[in-house]
Amino acid sequence: MRALPLLLLLTGCTTIGPGVLQRSRVRFNEAVKATSEQEMLLNIVRLRYTDTPSSLAISNIAAQYELSAGLGAMPFFAAGADRGLNSVLPQATLGGADRPTISFTPLDDSEFARRLFTPLSLEGIIYLAKTTWPIQTVFRLYLENLNWVPNAQTASGPTPALAPPESRFLEGMKALQVLQQRGDLVFGPEDHPEPLGPPVAQVSSSDVLTATQQGLTFVARPGGTWQLERSARRFVLHLNPAVLDSAELLLVREVFHLKPGRDHYDVTIESAEPFSPPKDGAESIDLETRSLLQALFFVSHGVEVPSEHFAHSLARQTRTADGQPFDWHPTMDGLFTVKSARGGCGREEASVAVDYAGYCFFIDPTDHDTRATFSLLMELSRLELSGSATRAGPMLTIPIGR
């Protein structure tokens, strides 16, 4: 019987150590994941309502666990004529406290704004196109246009009053997706020489040494001159020569004004002349990319706004040239859709859900296209904005459990 207090103490020690880690780590992970997704969805809904987005980074979680234990003895007095100290009863106490401290950092400094407004680089868009993400998801999400064929460019900001011009961009994307699924197109980098300055008549050994130290090369040219060059990386879209006459590739060439008969096209960024595609077809695929904020504005048009919110002008309704309400569903079909329902968000059928303006806005767990796009946005936001979370700035620290 006297071994019971010691057993309790030993049990408490094993619980407060590895046992606490087993119980708390996954719970904290799930809480961070769920709230991060809710914050992202809330900001997308806010943008649809021309509301200001806001984000708080969780900069630190310090979970503090305390175990207090005591061991004592209590005198026991017997009743009756022979009253007196009869025995001593052992007494043990065991207690614990959980005091996590969570630190939030507002993401509103200049570095955060810069990252939010910076368009995705050519390297970034090609990297995404080379991964297992569907090429039409990546391009529809992060391209303003391809060879100046617009991808609903007016949707990359606050909801426009007028519908975006008609475009065959989606038609071309579907054909590209078929080619990618069949393995008939590949994006890859290539190194090619790039001249620097005019040719020179003479080159000394010290000039050659200096150029080599800087990663440059002097190349002999006809006529006894020398050209200073550097190796520059460019990106190329390679096509399977066996499918050059396929219906999908013919459609891609037609939609994006590409020169026929080629099995590769250079990929450039904002290099093509606007409004005037080459008569013989372009020899390159020129991209204009979006920033993260533009991508978020774009997908916000997949939010289903309740009719009463349109009636009370809480959200702008885009209209066609003849004044009819414009339907954003075809533009967002297969990419991103957020449903809405009156009342709170106590619904188990939602993948992610947030309350806003008296409605619950949520992602259907069976809508795998929307969930994939949302996952891509989450990962890209972490990559593009992670640098801001570690910068010095205002910090809100909340101790919990006191």
Protein backbone atom coordinates (compact mmCIF):
# COMPACT_ATOMS: atom_id res chain seq x y z
CA MET A 1 0.00 0.00 0.00
CA ARG A 2 2.87 2.42 0.78
CA ALA A 3 4.15 1.95 -2.77
CA LEU A 4 1.03 3.63 -4.20
CA PRO A 5 2.27 7.27 -3.87
CA LEU A 6 5.56 6.37 -5.52
CA LEU A 7 3.66 4.64 -8.32
CA LEU A 8 1.52 7.74 -8.84
CA LEU A 9 4.59 9.95 -9.04
CA LEU A 10 6.29 7.67 -11.56
CA THR A 11 3.11 7.51 -13.65
CA GLY A 12 2.86 11.31 -13.65
CA CYS A 13 6.46 11.71 -14.78
CA THR A 14 6.02 9.44 -17.76
CA THR A 15 2.77 11.23 -18.69
CA ILE A 16 4.16 14.73 -18.53
CA GLY A 17 7.13 13.80 -20.74
CA PRO A 18 6.66 11.73 -23.89
CA GLY A 19 2.92 11.42 -23.23
CA VAL A 20 2.43 15.18 -23.50
CA LEU A 21 4.32 15.25 -26.81
CA GLN A 22 2.15 12.46 -28.18
CA ARG A 23 -1.03 14.28 -27.19
CA SER A 24 -0.11 17.85 -28.09
CA ARG A 25 2.09 17.93 -31.19
CA VAL A 26 -0.50 16.68 -33.66
CA ARG A 27 -3.20 18.82 -32.04
CA PHE A 28 -1.10 21.96 -32.40
CA ASN A 29 -0.29 20.96 -35.99
CA GLU A 30 -3.96 20.48 -36.84
CA ALA A 31 -4.91 23.78 -35.20
CA VAL A 32 -2.23 25.72 -37.12
CA LYS A 33 -3.20 24.06 -40.41
CA ALA A 34 -6.94 24.66 -39.93
CA THR A 35 -6.59 28.31 -38.90
CA SER A 36 -4.11 29.05 -41.72
CA GLU A 37 -6.55 27.65 -44.26
CA GLN A 38 -9.43 29.59 -42.73
CA GLU A 39 -7.40 32.80 -42.85
CA MET A 40 -6.57 32.23 -46.53
CA LEU A 41 -10.20 31.51 -47.44
CA LEU A 42 -11.39 34.52 -45.43
CA ASN A 43 -9.00 36.79 -47.31
CA ILE A 44 -10.23 35.43 -50.66
CA VAL A 45 -13.83 36.15 -49.62
CA ARG A 46 -12.81 39.61 -48.41
CA LEU A 47 -11.28 40.40 -51.80
CA ARG A 48 -14.52 39.42 -53.54
CA TYR A 49 -16.29 41.99 -51.37
CA THR A 50 -13.56 44.61 -52.01
CA ASP A 51 -12.60 44.30 -48.37
CA THR A 52 -9.03 44.61 -47.11
CA PRO A 53 -7.17 41.32 -46.59
CA SER A 54 -5.19 40.84 -43.40
CA SER A 55 -2.85 38.12 -42.14
CA LEU A 56 -1.23 37.14 -38.86
CA ALA A 57 1.79 34.87 -38.95
CA ILE A 58 2.25 32.43 -36.08
CA SER A 59 5.85 33.24 -35.26
CA ASN A 60 6.21 31.09 -32.16
CA ILE A 61 4.43 28.49 -30.06
CA ALA A 62 5.96 27.86 -26.65
CA ALA A 63 4.15 25.05 -24.86
CA GLN A 64 5.03 24.95 -21.14
CA TYR A 65 3.97 21.99 -19.06
CA GLU A 66 4.38 21.80 -15.30
CA LEU A 67 4.00 18.86 -12.95
CA SER A 68 3.65 19.33 -9.20
CA ALA A 69 3.73 16.41 -6.78
CA GLY A 70 3.74 16.03 -3.02
CA LEU A 71 4.13 13.21 -0.53
CA GLY A 72 3.13 13.45 3.14
CA ALA A 73 1.72 11.63 6.13
CA MET A 74 -1.50 12.23 8.01
CA PRO A 75 -1.92 11.05 11.63
CA PHE A 76 -4.90 8.82 12.22
CA PHE A 77 -6.62 8.85 15.62
CA ALA A 78 -8.83 5.95 16.60
CA ALA A 79 -12.20 6.54 18.31
CA GLY A 80 -13.30 5.06 21.61
CA ALA A 81 -11.79 4.75 25.08
CA ASP A 82 -8.37 4.02 23.83
CA ARG A 83 -8.27 7.12 21.69
CA GLY A 84 -4.83 8.10 20.60
CA LEU A 85 -2.46 7.99 17.71
CA ASN A 86 -3.28 4.74 16.04
CA SER A 87 -1.47 4.94 12.71
CA VAL A 88 -0.11 7.24 10.07
CA LEU A 89 -1.80 7.42 6.67
CA PRO A 90 0.37 8.27 3.65
CA GLN A 91 -0.91 11.08 1.42
CA ALA A 92 0.16 11.97 -2.13
CA THR A 93 -0.82 14.89 -4.37
CA LEU A 94 -0.27 15.22 -8.08
CA GLY A 95 -1.14 18.16 -10.31
CA GLY A 96 -0.27 19.58 -13.69
CA ALA A 97 -0.54 22.80 -15.68
CA ASP A 98 -0.53 23.49 -19.43
CA ARG A 99 0.50 27.06 -20.34
CA PRO A 100 1.11 27.45 -24.08
CA THR A 101 2.17 30.90 -25.32
CA ILE A 102 1.39 31.74 -28.94
CA SER A 103 3.03 34.70 -30.69
CA PHE A 104 1.47 36.38 -33.73
CA THR A 105 3.21 38.78 -36.12
CA PRO A 106 1.04 41.06 -38.30
CA LEU A 107 2.09 40.77 -41.94
CA ASP A 108 1.76 44.39 -42.94
CA ASP A 109 5.31 45.71 -43.37
CA SER A 110 6.87 46.96 -46.60
CA GLU A 111 8.57 43.62 -47.32
CA PHE A 112 5.24 41.82 -47.08
CA ALA A 113 3.64 44.32 -49.46
CA ARG A 114 6.51 43.99 -51.92
CA ARG A 115 6.24 40.21 -52.01
CA LEU A 116 2.46 40.40 -52.31
CA PHE A 117 2.66 42.65 -55.38
CA THR A 118 5.69 41.04 -57.09
CA PRO A 119 4.73 38.94 -60.17
CA LEU A 120 5.85 35.34 -60.25
CA SER A 121 9.20 34.95 -62.00
CA LEU A 122 9.71 33.05 -65.24
CA GLU A 123 11.73 30.47 -63.32
CA GLY A 124 8.88 30.10 -60.85
CA ILE A 125 6.16 29.56 -63.45
CA ILE A 126 8.31 27.06 -65.38
CA TYR A 127 9.14 25.19 -62.19
CA LEU A 128 5.44 24.83 -61.41
CA ALA A 129 4.71 23.76 -64.99
CA LYS A 130 7.35 21.02 -64.68
CA THR A 131 5.84 19.59 -61.48
CA THR A 132 2.86 17.28 -61.26
CA TRP A 133 0.46 20.23 -60.96
CA PRO A 134 -1.79 20.39 -64.06
CA ILE A 135 -0.40 22.94 -66.47
CA GLN A 136 -3.81 24.48 -67.03
CA THR A 137 -4.22 25.04 -63.27
CA VAL A 138 -0.82 26.76 -63.02
CA PHE A 139 -1.29 28.89 -66.15
CA ARG A 140 -4.91 29.82 -65.48
CA LEU A 141 -3.99 30.83 -61.94
CA TYR A 142 -0.76 32.73 -62.56
CA LEU A 143 -0.85 34.06 -66.15
CA GLU A 144 -2.34 37.37 -67.20
CA ASN A 145 -1.89 36.41 -70.85
CA LEU A 146 0.08 34.13 -73.16
CA ASN A 147 1.30 35.73 -76.39
CA TRP A 148 -1.14 38.51 -75.51
CA VAL A 149 -4.13 36.17 -75.49
CA PRO A 150 -5.83 37.40 -72.28
CA ASN A 151 -6.81 35.26 -69.31
CA ALA A 152 -9.58 37.46 -67.86
CA GLN A 153 -7.00 40.13 -67.02
CA THR A 154 -9.54 42.52 -65.50
CA ALA A 155 -10.29 39.89 -62.85
CA SER A 156 -6.76 40.29 -61.42
CA GLY A 157 -7.95 43.17 -59.26
CA PRO A 158 -11.17 44.32 -57.59
CA THR A 159 -14.26 42.94 -59.30
CA PRO A 160 -14.71 44.85 -62.58
CA ALA A 161 -17.97 46.53 -63.50
CA LEU A 162 -17.79 45.17 -67.07
CA ALA A 163 -17.20 41.59 -68.14
CA PRO A 164 -13.72 40.73 -69.43
CA PRO A 165 -13.35 40.52 -73.23
CA GLU A 166 -14.02 37.17 -74.85
CA SER A 167 -10.92 35.02 -75.24
CA ARG A 168 -9.93 31.54 -76.38
CA PHE A 169 -7.38 31.25 -73.56
CA LEU A 170 -9.27 28.44 -71.78
CA GLU A 171 -9.68 26.54 -75.05
CA GLY A 172 -5.92 26.67 -75.60
CA MET A 173 -5.23 25.64 -71.99
CA LYS A 174 -7.35 22.52 -72.29
CA ALA A 175 -5.40 21.47 -75.38
CA LEU A 176 -2.09 22.10 -73.58
CA GLN A 177 -3.33 19.99 -70.70
CA VAL A 178 -4.04 17.06 -73.04
CA LEU A 179 -0.52 17.31 -74.47
CA GLN A 180 0.98 17.38 -70.98
CA GLN A 181 -1.04 14.38 -69.83
CA ARG A 182 0.16 12.40 -72.85
CA GLY A 183 3.76 13.41 -72.16
CA ASP A 184 4.06 15.22 -75.48
CA LEU A 185 5.44 18.49 -74.11
CA VAL A 186 8.31 19.25 -71.75
CA PHE A 187 9.66 22.53 -70.38
CA GLY A 188 13.41 22.63 -69.91
CA PRO A 189 16.30 25.06 -69.43
CA GLU A 190 19.06 25.59 -71.99
CA ASP A 191 22.30 27.56 -71.82
CA HIS A 192 23.16 29.74 -74.80
CA PRO A 193 25.85 32.38 -75.44
CA GLU A 194 24.88 36.01 -75.01
CA PRO A 195 27.14 38.74 -76.47
CA LEU A 196 28.25 41.60 -74.22
CA GLY A 197 29.20 44.83 -75.95
CA PRO A 198 30.73 45.24 -79.43
CA PRO A 199 33.54 43.03 -80.80
CA VAL A 200 37.11 44.12 -80.00
CA ALA A 201 40.23 43.88 -82.18
CA GLN A 202 42.72 42.73 -79.55
CA VAL A 203 42.54 40.78 -76.28
CA SER A 204 45.39 40.49 -73.77
CA SER A 205 46.09 37.57 -71.48
CA SER A 206 45.01 39.69 -68.48
CA ASP A 207 41.69 40.41 -70.25
CA VAL A 208 41.11 36.69 -70.71
CA LEU A 209 41.98 35.99 -67.05
CA THR A 210 39.67 38.73 -65.77
CA ALA A 211 36.83 37.53 -67.99
CA THR A 212 37.29 33.93 -66.82
CA GLN A 213 37.17 35.01 -63.17
CA GLN A 214 33.83 36.68 -63.86
CA GLY A 215 32.38 33.68 -65.69
CA LEU A 216 32.77 35.30 -69.11
CA THR A 217 34.47 34.11 -72.30
CA PHE A 218 36.18 35.74 -75.27
CA VAL A 219 35.19 34.03 -78.55
CA ALA A 220 37.05 34.52 -81.84
CA ARG A 221 34.94 35.96 -84.63
CA PRO A 222 35.50 36.15 -88.42
CA GLY A 223 37.70 39.05 -89.37
CA GLY A 224 40.09 38.65 -86.46
CA THR A 225 37.85 40.22 -83.81
CA TRP A 226 36.90 38.94 -80.38
CA GLN A 227 33.47 38.88 -78.79
CA LEU A 228 32.92 38.88 -75.04
CA GLU A 229 30.12 36.44 -74.15
CA ARG A 230 28.42 35.03 -71.13
CA SER A 231 26.36 31.89 -70.78
CA ALA A 232 22.70 32.82 -70.29
CA ARG A 233 19.93 30.44 -69.33
CA ARG A 234 16.73 30.37 -71.28
CA PHE A 235 13.68 28.14 -71.12
CA VAL A 236 12.30 26.12 -74.00
CA LEU A 237 9.06 24.26 -74.59
CA HIS A 238 9.92 20.98 -76.34
CA LEU A 239 7.24 19.12 -78.30
CA ASN A 240 7.15 15.52 -79.38
CA PRO A 241 7.91 15.57 -83.14
CA ALA A 242 5.39 12.75 -83.61
CA VAL A 243 2.45 14.99 -82.58
CA LEU A 244 3.23 18.12 -84.62
CA ASP A 245 0.08 17.55 -86.70
CA SER A 246 -2.17 16.50 -83.79
CA ALA A 247 -5.49 18.28 -83.31
CA GLU A 248 -4.45 19.55 -79.88
CA LEU A 249 -1.19 21.10 -81.08
CA LEU A 250 -2.87 22.64 -84.13
CA LEU A 251 -5.37 24.24 -81.75
CA VAL A 252 -2.62 25.54 -79.45
CA ARG A 253 -0.82 27.11 -82.43
CA GLU A 254 -4.04 28.70 -83.67
CA VAL A 255 -5.10 30.13 -80.30
CA PHE A 256 -1.69 31.47 -79.26
CA HIS A 257 -0.47 32.58 -82.74
CA LEU A 258 2.50 30.19 -82.89
CA LYS A 259 4.58 29.50 -85.96
CA PRO A 260 3.65 26.06 -87.39
CA GLY A 261 6.03 23.19 -87.99
CA ARG A 262 8.30 23.81 -84.98
CA ASP A 263 9.03 21.20 -82.33
CA HIS A 264 10.26 23.75 -79.78
CA TYR A 265 9.52 27.32 -78.75
CA ASP A 266 11.53 29.66 -76.53
CA VAL A 267 9.69 30.73 -73.38
CA THR A 268 10.05 34.42 -72.54
CA ILE A 269 8.45 36.90 -70.17
CA GLU A 270 6.93 40.17 -71.36
CA SER A 271 9.07 40.32 -74.50
CA ALA A 272 6.44 40.13 -77.26
CA GLU A 273 4.97 43.20 -78.91
CA PRO A 274 1.37 43.77 -77.81
CA PHE A 275 -1.56 43.93 -80.24
CA SER A 276 0.47 42.77 -83.24
CA PRO A 277 1.24 39.02 -83.42
CA PRO A 278 3.76 38.07 -86.14
CA LYS A 279 2.10 37.30 -89.48
CA ASP A 280 4.02 34.05 -89.84
CA GLY A 281 3.44 33.07 -86.22
CA ALA A 282 5.52 33.61 -83.09
CA GLU A 283 8.65 31.58 -82.49
CA SER A 284 8.35 31.96 -78.74
CA ILE A 285 5.78 31.62 -75.99
CA ASP A 286 5.68 34.94 -74.17
CA LEU A 287 4.16 35.05 -70.69
CA GLU A 288 2.93 37.83 -68.45
CA THR A 289 2.69 36.48 -64.92
CA ARG A 290 0.56 37.48 -61.94
CA SER A 291 1.54 38.32 -58.40
CA LEU A 292 0.13 36.42 -55.43
CA LEU A 293 -2.33 39.26 -54.77
CA GLN A 294 -3.49 39.21 -58.39
CA ALA A 295 -3.95 35.43 -58.22
CA LEU A 296 -6.02 35.80 -55.04
CA PHE A 297 -8.17 38.51 -56.65
CA PHE A 298 -8.62 36.25 -59.67
CA VAL A 299 -9.86 33.21 -57.72
CA SER A 300 -12.08 35.42 -55.56
CA HIS A 301 -14.44 35.54 -58.54
CA GLY A 302 -15.12 31.88 -57.83
CA VAL A 303 -16.88 32.90 -54.60
CA GLU A 304 -20.65 32.42 -54.89
CA VAL A 305 -22.09 35.71 -53.67
CA PRO A 306 -25.65 35.45 -52.21
CA SER A 307 -28.26 37.31 -54.27
CA GLU A 308 -29.25 39.48 -51.32
CA HIS A 309 -25.66 40.76 -51.08
CA PHE A 310 -25.88 41.83 -54.71
CA ALA A 311 -29.26 43.42 -54.01
CA HIS A 312 -27.81 45.48 -51.15
CA SER A 313 -24.61 46.30 -53.13
CA LEU A 314 -22.39 44.56 -50.56
CA ALA A 315 -20.52 43.02 -53.49
CA ARG A 316 -20.16 44.33 -57.03
CA GLN A 317 -21.97 42.43 -59.74
CA THR A 318 -20.12 42.35 -63.05
CA ARG A 319 -22.32 42.99 -66.06
CA THR A 320 -22.07 42.37 -69.78
CA ALA A 321 -22.13 45.14 -72.39
CA ASP A 322 -25.94 44.87 -72.63
CA GLY A 323 -26.35 45.23 -68.84
CA GLN A 324 -26.99 41.58 -67.98
CA PRO A 325 -25.31 39.94 -64.96
CA PHE A 326 -22.07 38.26 -66.00
CA ASP A 327 -21.59 34.63 -65.00
CA TRP A 328 -18.08 33.96 -63.65
CA HIS A 329 -18.65 30.19 -63.46
CA PRO A 330 -17.26 29.34 -66.94
CA THR A 331 -14.10 31.32 -66.17
CA MET A 332 -13.63 29.51 -62.85
CA ASP A 333 -14.96 26.10 -63.93
CA GLY A 334 -12.58 23.32 -62.92
CA LEU A 335 -10.36 25.80 -61.08
CA PHE A 336 -11.95 27.35 -57.99
CA THR A 337 -15.42 27.53 -56.45
CA VAL A 338 -16.45 28.67 -52.97
CA LYS A 339 -20.05 27.91 -51.98
CA SER A 340 -22.16 29.95 -49.59
CA ALA A 341 -25.04 29.18 -47.23
CA ARG A 342 -26.98 31.31 -44.80
CA GLY A 343 -26.05 30.98 -41.13
CA GLY A 344 -22.99 29.84 -39.24
CA CYS A 345 -20.32 27.39 -40.30
CA GLY A 346 -21.12 24.42 -38.09
CA ARG A 347 -21.21 22.09 -41.07
CA GLU A 348 -19.22 18.90 -41.27
CA GLU A 349 -19.45 18.71 -45.06
CA ALA A 350 -17.08 21.67 -45.50
CA SER A 351 -13.39 21.21 -46.23
CA VAL A 352 -12.63 24.79 -45.12
CA ALA A 353 -15.28 27.23 -43.93
CA VAL A 354 -15.44 30.83 -42.68
CA ASP A 355 -18.21 33.17 -41.53
CA TYR A 356 -18.62 36.46 -43.36
CA ALA A 357 -21.51 38.96 -43.56
CA GLY A 358 -24.04 36.53 -42.08
CA TYR A 359 -23.18 33.65 -44.41
CA CYS A 360 -20.94 30.62 -44.30
CA PHE A 361 -18.50 30.42 -47.20
CA PHE A 362 -16.97 26.99 -47.66
CA ILE A 363 -15.11 24.64 -49.98
CA ASP A 364 -16.91 21.42 -50.82
CA PRO A 365 -14.71 18.45 -49.80
CA THR A 366 -15.77 16.60 -52.97
CA ASP A 367 -14.60 19.47 -55.21
CA HIS A 368 -11.08 18.19 -55.82
CA ASP A 369 -10.22 20.83 -58.44
CA THR A 370 -10.91 23.65 -55.97
CA ARG A 371 -9.08 21.85 -53.19
CA ALA A 372 -6.03 21.36 -55.42
CA THR A 373 -5.99 25.04 -56.42
CA PHE A 374 -6.44 26.09 -52.80
CA SER A 375 -3.57 23.83 -51.75
CA LEU A 376 -1.35 25.35 -54.44
CA LEU A 377 -2.20 28.86 -53.25
CA MET A 378 -1.42 27.88 -49.66
CA GLU A 379 1.99 26.50 -50.59
CA LEU A 380 2.89 29.43 -52.84
CA SER A 381 1.85 31.93 -50.18
CA ARG A 382 4.18 30.20 -47.71
CA LEU A 383 7.04 30.33 -50.23
CA GLU A 384 6.48 33.92 -51.33
CA LEU A 385 5.61 35.46 -47.96
CA SER A 386 7.64 33.39 -45.51
CA GLY A 387 10.42 35.97 -45.46
CA SER A 388 8.15 38.55 -43.89
CA ALA A 389 7.21 36.44 -40.88
CA THR A 390 10.75 36.50 -39.50
CA ARG A 391 11.28 40.23 -39.85
CA ALA A 392 11.22 42.53 -36.84
CA GLY A 393 7.89 44.24 -36.29
CA PRO A 394 4.86 44.45 -34.03
CA MET A 395 4.17 41.19 -32.27
CA LEU A 396 1.11 40.06 -30.37
CA THR A 397 1.81 37.42 -27.72
CA ILE A 398 -1.08 35.66 -26.02
CA PRO A 399 -0.44 33.48 -22.97
CA ILE A 400 -3.12 30.83 -22.66
CA GLY A 401 -4.16 28.86 -19.63
CA ARG A 402 -3.39 31.28 -16.80
